[in-house]
């Protein structure tokens, strides 16, 4: 994804589905790069009153991830855990970290500090392995609540291999 000085950034077009946008009051912020819609608006912004509306025509997944990451950074937001494996969601609620594996395959999630799994009572020092469709609720070590559960995430203290 590149940025043209004085112009909108360029997003690779999607082969799956994209909108052919035309604007009147909205400002093109990004344009399609390549494909049938080359040069057409891909992302537009329209200021109205005290607010701003945005619209994004779906680019290919990698471009959309980069676009959303850039928007989050510009808004002063950072991912709860950067570099998550595909299909894994991380959400913080107070001191608790929820990890959800929406994927069909197991995933290993590195942890920045040791945490206790509130569902199993296990302590995960360097990472946690999530089975397919698994959910883990982690708390700082001081919140340890030993309530073993027969199924859950297995401890993962061996060095992590990143294949994603």
N, C-alpha and C. Protein backbone atom coordinates (compact mmCIF):
# COMPACT_ATOMS: atom_id res chain seq x y z
N UNK A 1 0.87 -1.16 0.00
CA UNK A 1 0.00 0.00 0.00
C UNK A 1 0.91 1.22 0.00
N UNK A 2 0.72 2.12 -0.92
CA UNK A 2 1.55 3.30 -1.01
C UNK A 2 0.75 4.56 -0.85
N UNK A 3 1.45 5.67 -0.70
CA UNK A 3 0.79 6.96 -0.58
C UNK A 3 1.40 7.90 -1.61
N UNK A 4 0.54 8.52 -2.39
CA UNK A 4 0.97 9.47 -3.39
C UNK A 4 1.02 10.84 -2.75
N UNK A 5 2.16 11.55 -2.76
CA UNK A 5 2.19 12.89 -2.19
C UNK A 5 1.12 13.76 -2.81
N UNK A 6 0.32 14.39 -1.95
CA UNK A 6 -0.73 15.28 -2.43
C UNK A 6 -1.98 14.55 -2.88
N UNK A 7 -2.00 13.25 -2.77
CA UNK A 7 -3.17 12.50 -3.21
C UNK A 7 -3.50 11.39 -2.24
N UNK A 8 -4.59 10.69 -2.50
CA UNK A 8 -4.98 9.61 -1.60
C UNK A 8 -4.06 8.40 -1.73
N UNK A 9 -4.06 7.57 -0.69
CA UNK A 9 -3.27 6.35 -0.75
C UNK A 9 -3.92 5.38 -1.73
N UNK A 10 -3.16 4.38 -2.12
CA UNK A 10 -3.65 3.40 -3.09
C UNK A 10 -3.84 2.05 -2.41
N UNK A 11 -4.99 1.43 -2.61
CA UNK A 11 -5.28 0.12 -2.03
C UNK A 11 -5.42 -0.91 -3.15
N UNK A 12 -4.79 -2.07 -2.96
CA UNK A 12 -4.99 -3.12 -3.97
C UNK A 12 -6.46 -3.50 -4.01
N UNK A 13 -7.00 -3.69 -5.20
CA UNK A 13 -8.40 -4.06 -5.34
C UNK A 13 -8.65 -5.50 -4.96
N UNK A 14 -9.87 -5.82 -4.67
CA UNK A 14 -10.24 -7.18 -4.30
C UNK A 14 -10.77 -7.90 -5.53
N UNK A 15 -10.37 -9.15 -5.69
CA UNK A 15 -10.91 -9.96 -6.78
C UNK A 15 -12.27 -10.52 -6.40
N UNK A 16 -12.58 -10.53 -5.08
CA UNK A 16 -13.83 -11.12 -4.62
C UNK A 16 -15.01 -10.17 -4.79
N UNK A 17 -14.88 -8.95 -4.30
CA UNK A 17 -16.01 -8.03 -4.34
C UNK A 17 -15.52 -6.64 -3.97
N UNK A 18 -15.87 -5.65 -4.76
CA UNK A 18 -15.54 -4.25 -4.49
C UNK A 18 -16.68 -3.39 -4.99
N UNK A 19 -16.81 -2.20 -4.43
CA UNK A 19 -17.84 -1.27 -4.87
C UNK A 19 -17.24 -0.27 -5.85
N UNK A 20 -18.00 0.06 -6.87
CA UNK A 20 -17.60 1.08 -7.83
C UNK A 20 -18.18 2.39 -7.30
N UNK A 21 -17.39 3.16 -6.56
CA UNK A 21 -17.87 4.35 -5.87
C UNK A 21 -17.76 5.60 -6.73
N UNK A 22 -18.76 6.46 -6.60
CA UNK A 22 -18.74 7.80 -7.17
C UNK A 22 -19.03 8.75 -6.02
N UNK A 23 -18.36 9.89 -6.01
CA UNK A 23 -18.56 10.83 -4.90
C UNK A 23 -19.03 12.18 -5.42
N UNK A 24 -19.75 12.88 -4.55
CA UNK A 24 -20.12 14.26 -4.86
C UNK A 24 -19.57 15.16 -3.75
N UNK A 25 -19.95 14.91 -2.51
CA UNK A 25 -19.44 15.73 -1.40
C UNK A 25 -18.34 15.02 -0.63
N UNK A 26 -18.25 13.71 -0.75
CA UNK A 26 -17.24 12.95 -0.02
C UNK A 26 -15.88 13.09 -0.70
N UNK A 27 -14.84 13.05 0.11
CA UNK A 27 -13.46 13.17 -0.37
C UNK A 27 -12.85 11.78 -0.50
N UNK A 28 -12.32 11.41 -1.66
CA UNK A 28 -11.61 10.13 -1.76
C UNK A 28 -10.32 10.19 -0.94
N UNK A 29 -10.15 9.22 -0.07
CA UNK A 29 -8.97 9.15 0.79
C UNK A 29 -8.04 8.04 0.30
N UNK A 30 -8.58 7.07 -0.40
CA UNK A 30 -7.78 5.99 -0.98
C UNK A 30 -8.44 5.57 -2.29
N UNK A 31 -7.62 5.13 -3.21
CA UNK A 31 -8.13 4.68 -4.50
C UNK A 31 -7.69 3.25 -4.77
N UNK A 32 -8.43 2.57 -5.63
CA UNK A 32 -8.09 1.20 -6.02
C UNK A 32 -6.85 1.23 -6.89
N UNK A 33 -5.94 0.30 -6.63
CA UNK A 33 -4.73 0.18 -7.43
C UNK A 33 -4.78 -1.15 -8.16
N UNK A 34 -4.95 -1.11 -9.46
CA UNK A 34 -4.99 -2.32 -10.27
C UNK A 34 -6.40 -2.85 -10.44
N UNK A 35 -6.54 -3.76 -11.37
CA UNK A 35 -7.82 -4.40 -11.60
C UNK A 35 -8.80 -3.53 -12.37
N UNK A 36 -10.02 -4.01 -12.46
CA UNK A 36 -11.07 -3.35 -13.23
C UNK A 36 -11.40 -1.95 -12.70
N UNK A 37 -11.27 -1.73 -11.40
CA UNK A 37 -11.64 -0.44 -10.80
C UNK A 37 -10.43 0.47 -10.55
N UNK A 38 -9.34 0.23 -11.24
CA UNK A 38 -8.11 1.01 -11.06
C UNK A 38 -8.39 2.51 -11.07
N UNK A 39 -7.96 3.18 -10.02
CA UNK A 39 -8.10 4.63 -9.91
C UNK A 39 -9.42 5.10 -9.32
N UNK A 40 -10.39 4.21 -9.17
CA UNK A 40 -11.69 4.59 -8.59
C UNK A 40 -11.55 4.73 -7.07
N UNK A 41 -12.41 5.54 -6.43
CA UNK A 41 -12.34 5.66 -4.97
C UNK A 41 -12.57 4.31 -4.29
N UNK A 42 -11.75 4.04 -3.27
CA UNK A 42 -11.88 2.81 -2.49
C UNK A 42 -12.27 3.13 -1.05
N UNK A 43 -11.92 4.33 -0.62
CA UNK A 43 -12.21 4.77 0.75
C UNK A 43 -12.55 6.25 0.66
N UNK A 44 -13.69 6.61 1.25
CA UNK A 44 -14.11 8.01 1.18
C UNK A 44 -14.44 8.53 2.57
N UNK A 45 -14.33 9.86 2.72
CA UNK A 45 -14.61 10.53 3.99
C UNK A 45 -15.53 11.70 3.68
N UNK A 46 -16.57 11.87 4.50
CA UNK A 46 -17.49 12.98 4.31
C UNK A 46 -17.75 13.64 5.66
N UNK A 47 -17.34 14.90 5.79
CA UNK A 47 -17.58 15.65 7.01
C UNK A 47 -18.98 16.27 6.94
N UNK A 48 -19.71 16.18 8.04
CA UNK A 48 -21.04 16.76 8.10
C UNK A 48 -21.27 17.24 9.52
N UNK A 49 -21.52 18.51 9.69
CA UNK A 49 -21.69 19.06 11.04
C UNK A 49 -20.44 18.82 11.86
N UNK A 50 -20.62 18.27 13.06
CA UNK A 50 -19.48 18.00 13.94
C UNK A 50 -18.91 16.61 13.72
N UNK A 51 -19.48 15.83 12.80
CA UNK A 51 -19.04 14.45 12.62
C UNK A 51 -18.41 14.19 11.27
N UNK A 52 -17.90 12.99 11.14
CA UNK A 52 -17.29 12.55 9.89
C UNK A 52 -17.74 11.12 9.63
N UNK A 53 -18.18 10.84 8.42
CA UNK A 53 -18.56 9.49 8.02
C UNK A 53 -17.48 8.94 7.09
N UNK A 54 -17.18 7.66 7.26
CA UNK A 54 -16.20 6.97 6.43
C UNK A 54 -16.87 5.81 5.74
N UNK A 55 -16.41 5.49 4.53
CA UNK A 55 -16.86 4.30 3.84
C UNK A 55 -15.66 3.67 3.16
N UNK A 56 -15.55 2.35 3.28
CA UNK A 56 -14.46 1.62 2.66
C UNK A 56 -15.04 0.53 1.78
N UNK A 57 -14.70 0.56 0.51
CA UNK A 57 -15.05 -0.54 -0.38
C UNK A 57 -14.07 -1.66 -0.07
N UNK A 58 -14.55 -2.88 0.13
CA UNK A 58 -13.66 -3.94 0.61
C UNK A 58 -12.46 -4.20 -0.29
N UNK A 59 -11.24 -3.91 0.20
CA UNK A 59 -10.04 -4.29 -0.54
C UNK A 59 -9.69 -5.74 -0.20
N UNK A 60 -8.62 -6.25 -0.79
CA UNK A 60 -8.18 -7.60 -0.45
C UNK A 60 -7.84 -7.64 1.04
N UNK A 61 -7.95 -8.80 1.69
CA UNK A 61 -7.81 -8.89 3.14
C UNK A 61 -6.53 -8.28 3.72
N UNK A 62 -5.39 -8.49 3.07
CA UNK A 62 -4.14 -7.94 3.60
C UNK A 62 -4.17 -6.41 3.59
N UNK A 63 -4.72 -5.83 2.54
CA UNK A 63 -4.81 -4.37 2.47
C UNK A 63 -5.79 -3.83 3.50
N UNK A 64 -6.89 -4.55 3.72
CA UNK A 64 -7.86 -4.12 4.72
C UNK A 64 -7.25 -4.17 6.12
N UNK A 65 -6.51 -5.23 6.44
CA UNK A 65 -5.84 -5.31 7.75
C UNK A 65 -4.88 -4.15 7.94
N UNK A 66 -4.09 -3.85 6.91
CA UNK A 66 -3.13 -2.74 7.00
C UNK A 66 -3.85 -1.41 7.17
N UNK A 67 -4.94 -1.24 6.45
CA UNK A 67 -5.73 -0.01 6.53
C UNK A 67 -6.30 0.18 7.93
N UNK A 68 -6.90 -0.87 8.49
CA UNK A 68 -7.50 -0.77 9.82
C UNK A 68 -6.43 -0.58 10.90
N UNK A 69 -5.28 -1.22 10.73
CA UNK A 69 -4.18 -1.03 11.68
C UNK A 69 -3.70 0.42 11.66
N UNK A 70 -3.59 0.99 10.47
CA UNK A 70 -3.17 2.39 10.35
C UNK A 70 -4.19 3.32 10.98
N UNK A 71 -5.49 3.06 10.74
CA UNK A 71 -6.54 3.88 11.36
C UNK A 71 -6.49 3.80 12.87
N UNK A 72 -6.31 2.60 13.40
CA UNK A 72 -6.24 2.43 14.85
C UNK A 72 -5.05 3.19 15.43
N UNK A 73 -3.92 3.11 14.74
CA UNK A 73 -2.71 3.82 15.21
C UNK A 73 -2.94 5.33 15.20
N UNK A 74 -3.55 5.84 14.12
CA UNK A 74 -3.83 7.28 14.04
C UNK A 74 -4.81 7.72 15.12
N UNK A 75 -5.69 6.81 15.56
CA UNK A 75 -6.66 7.13 16.61
C UNK A 75 -6.07 6.90 18.00
N UNK A 76 -4.78 6.52 18.07
CA UNK A 76 -4.14 6.30 19.36
C UNK A 76 -4.51 4.97 19.99
N UNK A 77 -4.96 4.02 19.19
CA UNK A 77 -5.34 2.70 19.69
C UNK A 77 -4.30 1.67 19.26
N UNK A 78 -4.07 0.71 20.11
CA UNK A 78 -3.13 -0.36 19.80
C UNK A 78 -3.81 -1.69 20.05
N UNK A 79 -3.39 -2.73 19.35
CA UNK A 79 -3.98 -4.04 19.61
C UNK A 79 -3.72 -4.49 21.04
N UNK A 80 -4.63 -5.25 21.58
CA UNK A 80 -4.45 -5.80 22.93
C UNK A 80 -3.18 -6.64 22.95
N UNK A 81 -3.02 -7.52 21.99
CA UNK A 81 -1.81 -8.33 21.81
C UNK A 81 -1.42 -8.27 20.34
N UNK A 82 -0.35 -7.58 20.00
CA UNK A 82 0.05 -7.50 18.60
C UNK A 82 0.52 -8.86 18.08
N UNK A 83 0.33 -9.08 16.79
CA UNK A 83 0.84 -10.28 16.14
C UNK A 83 0.08 -11.55 16.45
N UNK A 84 -1.21 -11.44 16.70
CA UNK A 84 -2.01 -12.63 16.98
C UNK A 84 -2.08 -13.55 15.77
N UNK A 85 -2.14 -14.86 15.99
CA UNK A 85 -2.35 -15.77 14.87
C UNK A 85 -3.70 -15.49 14.22
N UNK A 86 -3.83 -15.80 12.95
CA UNK A 86 -5.09 -15.61 12.25
C UNK A 86 -6.23 -16.34 12.94
N UNK A 87 -7.36 -15.67 13.04
CA UNK A 87 -8.54 -16.28 13.65
C UNK A 87 -8.63 -16.13 15.15
N UNK A 88 -7.60 -15.56 15.78
CA UNK A 88 -7.60 -15.41 17.24
C UNK A 88 -7.96 -13.97 17.59
N UNK A 89 -8.87 -13.82 18.53
CA UNK A 89 -9.32 -12.52 19.01
C UNK A 89 -8.87 -12.34 20.46
N UNK A 90 -8.39 -11.15 20.80
CA UNK A 90 -8.00 -10.83 22.17
C UNK A 90 -8.77 -9.59 22.62
N UNK A 91 -9.39 -9.70 23.79
CA UNK A 91 -10.18 -8.59 24.33
C UNK A 91 -9.83 -8.43 25.80
N UNK A 92 -9.61 -7.20 26.22
CA UNK A 92 -9.39 -6.92 27.65
C UNK A 92 -10.65 -6.35 28.26
N UNK A 93 -11.00 -6.85 29.44
CA UNK A 93 -12.10 -6.32 30.24
C UNK A 93 -11.55 -6.18 31.64
N UNK A 94 -11.21 -4.94 32.02
CA UNK A 94 -10.56 -4.73 33.31
C UNK A 94 -9.23 -5.46 33.30
N UNK A 95 -8.92 -6.22 34.35
CA UNK A 95 -7.64 -6.93 34.40
C UNK A 95 -7.66 -8.25 33.63
N UNK A 96 -8.80 -8.63 33.07
CA UNK A 96 -8.93 -9.93 32.44
C UNK A 96 -8.69 -9.87 30.94
N UNK A 97 -8.02 -10.90 30.45
CA UNK A 97 -7.72 -11.04 29.03
C UNK A 97 -8.48 -12.24 28.49
N UNK A 98 -9.37 -12.00 27.54
CA UNK A 98 -10.14 -13.06 26.91
C UNK A 98 -9.49 -13.38 25.57
N UNK A 99 -9.19 -14.65 25.33
CA UNK A 99 -8.65 -15.10 24.06
C UNK A 99 -9.64 -16.06 23.44
N UNK A 100 -10.02 -15.81 22.20
CA UNK A 100 -10.99 -16.64 21.50
C UNK A 100 -10.38 -17.10 20.19
N UNK A 101 -10.34 -18.39 19.98
CA UNK A 101 -9.84 -18.93 18.72
C UNK A 101 -11.05 -19.25 17.84
N UNK A 102 -11.30 -18.41 16.86
CA UNK A 102 -12.41 -18.61 15.93
C UNK A 102 -12.02 -19.58 14.82
N UNK A 103 -10.75 -19.98 14.80
CA UNK A 103 -10.25 -20.82 13.72
C UNK A 103 -10.50 -22.29 13.93
N UNK A 104 -10.32 -23.03 12.85
CA UNK A 104 -10.53 -24.49 12.87
C UNK A 104 -9.27 -25.25 13.28
N UNK A 105 -8.17 -24.54 13.46
CA UNK A 105 -6.92 -25.20 13.85
C UNK A 105 -6.42 -24.58 15.16
N UNK A 106 -5.63 -25.35 15.94
CA UNK A 106 -5.07 -24.80 17.18
C UNK A 106 -4.14 -23.63 16.88
N UNK A 107 -3.97 -22.78 17.87
CA UNK A 107 -3.10 -21.61 17.72
C UNK A 107 -2.34 -21.40 19.03
N UNK A 108 -1.13 -20.88 18.92
CA UNK A 108 -0.32 -20.52 20.09
C UNK A 108 -0.26 -19.01 20.16
N UNK A 109 -0.62 -18.47 21.34
CA UNK A 109 -0.62 -17.02 21.54
C UNK A 109 0.46 -16.67 22.56
N UNK A 110 1.49 -15.90 22.16
CA UNK A 110 2.51 -15.46 23.11
C UNK A 110 1.90 -14.48 24.12
N UNK A 111 2.36 -14.56 25.35
CA UNK A 111 1.88 -13.66 26.41
C UNK A 111 3.02 -12.76 26.87
N UNK A 112 2.75 -11.46 27.10
CA UNK A 112 3.81 -10.55 27.56
C UNK A 112 4.17 -10.77 29.02
N UNK A 113 3.27 -11.40 29.80
CA UNK A 113 3.55 -11.69 31.21
C UNK A 113 2.74 -12.91 31.62
N UNK A 114 3.15 -13.52 32.71
CA UNK A 114 2.46 -14.72 33.19
C UNK A 114 1.04 -14.38 33.62
N UNK A 115 0.14 -15.28 33.32
CA UNK A 115 -1.28 -15.11 33.66
C UNK A 115 -1.87 -16.44 34.10
N UNK A 116 -2.96 -16.34 34.86
CA UNK A 116 -3.67 -17.52 35.33
C UNK A 116 -4.95 -17.70 34.52
N UNK A 117 -5.17 -18.93 34.08
CA UNK A 117 -6.39 -19.27 33.36
C UNK A 117 -7.49 -19.45 34.39
N UNK A 118 -8.49 -18.59 34.36
CA UNK A 118 -9.56 -18.64 35.35
C UNK A 118 -10.47 -19.85 35.17
N UNK A 119 -10.45 -20.48 34.01
CA UNK A 119 -11.30 -21.65 33.79
C UNK A 119 -10.64 -22.94 34.26
N UNK A 120 -9.30 -22.99 34.25
CA UNK A 120 -8.60 -24.22 34.63
C UNK A 120 -7.71 -24.05 35.86
N UNK A 121 -7.35 -22.82 36.22
CA UNK A 121 -6.43 -22.59 37.32
C UNK A 121 -4.97 -22.71 36.92
N UNK A 122 -4.69 -23.05 35.68
CA UNK A 122 -3.31 -23.20 35.21
C UNK A 122 -2.65 -21.85 35.02
N UNK A 123 -1.35 -21.81 35.29
CA UNK A 123 -0.56 -20.60 35.05
C UNK A 123 0.15 -20.76 33.71
N UNK A 124 0.03 -19.76 32.87
CA UNK A 124 0.70 -19.73 31.56
C UNK A 124 1.77 -18.64 31.65
N UNK A 125 3.03 -19.03 31.50
CA UNK A 125 4.13 -18.09 31.68
C UNK A 125 4.49 -17.34 30.41
N UNK A 126 4.66 -18.06 29.30
CA UNK A 126 5.14 -17.40 28.07
C UNK A 126 4.12 -17.39 26.95
N UNK A 127 3.13 -18.28 27.03
CA UNK A 127 2.13 -18.35 25.98
C UNK A 127 1.06 -19.35 26.34
N UNK A 128 0.04 -19.39 25.52
CA UNK A 128 -1.06 -20.31 25.75
C UNK A 128 -1.45 -20.93 24.41
N UNK A 129 -1.71 -22.23 24.45
CA UNK A 129 -2.16 -22.94 23.24
C UNK A 129 -3.67 -23.02 23.29
N UNK A 130 -4.30 -22.55 22.21
CA UNK A 130 -5.76 -22.60 22.11
C UNK A 130 -6.15 -23.66 21.10
N UNK A 131 -6.96 -24.62 21.54
CA UNK A 131 -7.50 -25.58 20.60
C UNK A 131 -8.46 -24.87 19.66
N UNK A 132 -8.91 -25.56 18.62
CA UNK A 132 -9.87 -24.95 17.69
C UNK A 132 -11.13 -24.55 18.46
N UNK A 133 -11.62 -23.37 18.18
CA UNK A 133 -12.82 -22.80 18.78
C UNK A 133 -12.73 -22.65 20.30
N UNK A 134 -11.54 -22.62 20.87
CA UNK A 134 -11.36 -22.54 22.32
C UNK A 134 -11.46 -21.10 22.81
N UNK A 135 -11.82 -20.97 24.09
CA UNK A 135 -11.89 -19.68 24.77
C UNK A 135 -11.10 -19.80 26.06
N UNK A 136 -10.30 -18.78 26.36
CA UNK A 136 -9.52 -18.75 27.59
C UNK A 136 -9.73 -17.39 28.22
N UNK A 137 -9.89 -17.39 29.54
CA UNK A 137 -9.99 -16.14 30.31
C UNK A 137 -8.79 -16.11 31.24
N UNK A 138 -7.94 -15.11 31.04
CA UNK A 138 -6.70 -15.02 31.80
C UNK A 138 -6.72 -13.81 32.73
N UNK A 139 -6.12 -13.99 33.91
CA UNK A 139 -6.03 -12.92 34.89
C UNK A 139 -4.58 -12.76 35.32
N UNK A 140 -4.20 -11.57 35.81
CA UNK A 140 -2.85 -11.42 36.37
C UNK A 140 -2.65 -12.46 37.47
N UNK A 141 -1.41 -12.84 37.73
CA UNK A 141 -1.13 -13.91 38.68
C UNK A 141 -1.79 -13.70 40.04
N UNK A 142 -1.91 -12.50 40.52
CA UNK A 142 -2.51 -12.24 41.83
C UNK A 142 -3.97 -12.66 41.87
N UNK A 143 -4.61 -12.82 40.72
CA UNK A 143 -6.03 -13.17 40.66
C UNK A 143 -6.27 -14.66 40.55
N UNK A 144 -5.23 -15.45 40.80
CA UNK A 144 -5.33 -16.90 40.60
C UNK A 144 -6.50 -17.50 41.39
N UNK A 145 -7.29 -18.27 40.67
CA UNK A 145 -8.44 -18.94 41.28
C UNK A 145 -8.41 -20.39 40.81
N UNK A 146 -7.89 -21.31 41.64
CA UNK A 146 -7.73 -22.69 41.18
C UNK A 146 -9.07 -23.42 41.08
N UNK A 147 -9.66 -23.39 39.91
CA UNK A 147 -10.90 -24.12 39.65
C UNK A 147 -10.68 -24.97 38.42
N UNK A 148 -10.03 -26.11 38.60
CA UNK A 148 -9.70 -26.95 37.43
C UNK A 148 -10.93 -27.32 36.63
N UNK A 149 -10.75 -27.36 35.36
CA UNK A 149 -11.79 -27.72 34.41
C UNK A 149 -11.20 -28.80 33.51
N UNK A 150 -11.95 -29.86 33.17
CA UNK A 150 -11.36 -30.95 32.41
C UNK A 150 -10.87 -30.57 31.02
N UNK A 151 -11.47 -29.56 30.41
CA UNK A 151 -11.02 -29.14 29.09
C UNK A 151 -10.55 -27.71 29.17
N UNK A 152 -9.65 -27.34 28.27
CA UNK A 152 -9.19 -25.96 28.25
C UNK A 152 -7.87 -25.85 27.54
N UNK A 153 -7.19 -24.79 27.84
CA UNK A 153 -5.91 -24.53 27.19
C UNK A 153 -4.80 -25.22 27.97
N UNK A 154 -3.92 -25.85 27.24
CA UNK A 154 -2.77 -26.52 27.86
C UNK A 154 -1.68 -25.50 28.11
N UNK A 155 -0.90 -25.67 29.21
CA UNK A 155 0.21 -24.74 29.45
C UNK A 155 1.16 -24.77 28.26
N UNK A 156 1.80 -23.65 28.01
CA UNK A 156 2.69 -23.55 26.86
C UNK A 156 3.89 -22.73 27.29
N UNK A 157 4.85 -23.39 27.95
CA UNK A 157 6.02 -22.67 28.42
C UNK A 157 7.27 -22.98 27.61
N UNK A 158 7.14 -23.81 26.58
CA UNK A 158 8.28 -24.08 25.71
C UNK A 158 8.46 -22.90 24.77
N UNK A 159 9.66 -22.76 24.17
CA UNK A 159 9.86 -21.65 23.23
C UNK A 159 8.81 -21.70 22.12
N UNK A 160 8.33 -20.55 21.75
CA UNK A 160 7.28 -20.46 20.75
C UNK A 160 7.87 -20.44 19.35
N UNK A 161 7.30 -21.22 18.47
CA UNK A 161 7.67 -21.18 17.06
C UNK A 161 6.62 -20.40 16.34
N UNK A 162 7.01 -19.39 15.62
CA UNK A 162 6.05 -18.57 14.89
C UNK A 162 6.00 -18.99 13.45
N UNK A 163 4.91 -19.64 13.09
CA UNK A 163 4.76 -20.08 11.71
C UNK A 163 3.62 -19.34 11.03
N UNK A 164 3.13 -18.30 11.63
CA UNK A 164 2.01 -17.57 11.08
C UNK A 164 2.41 -16.23 10.58
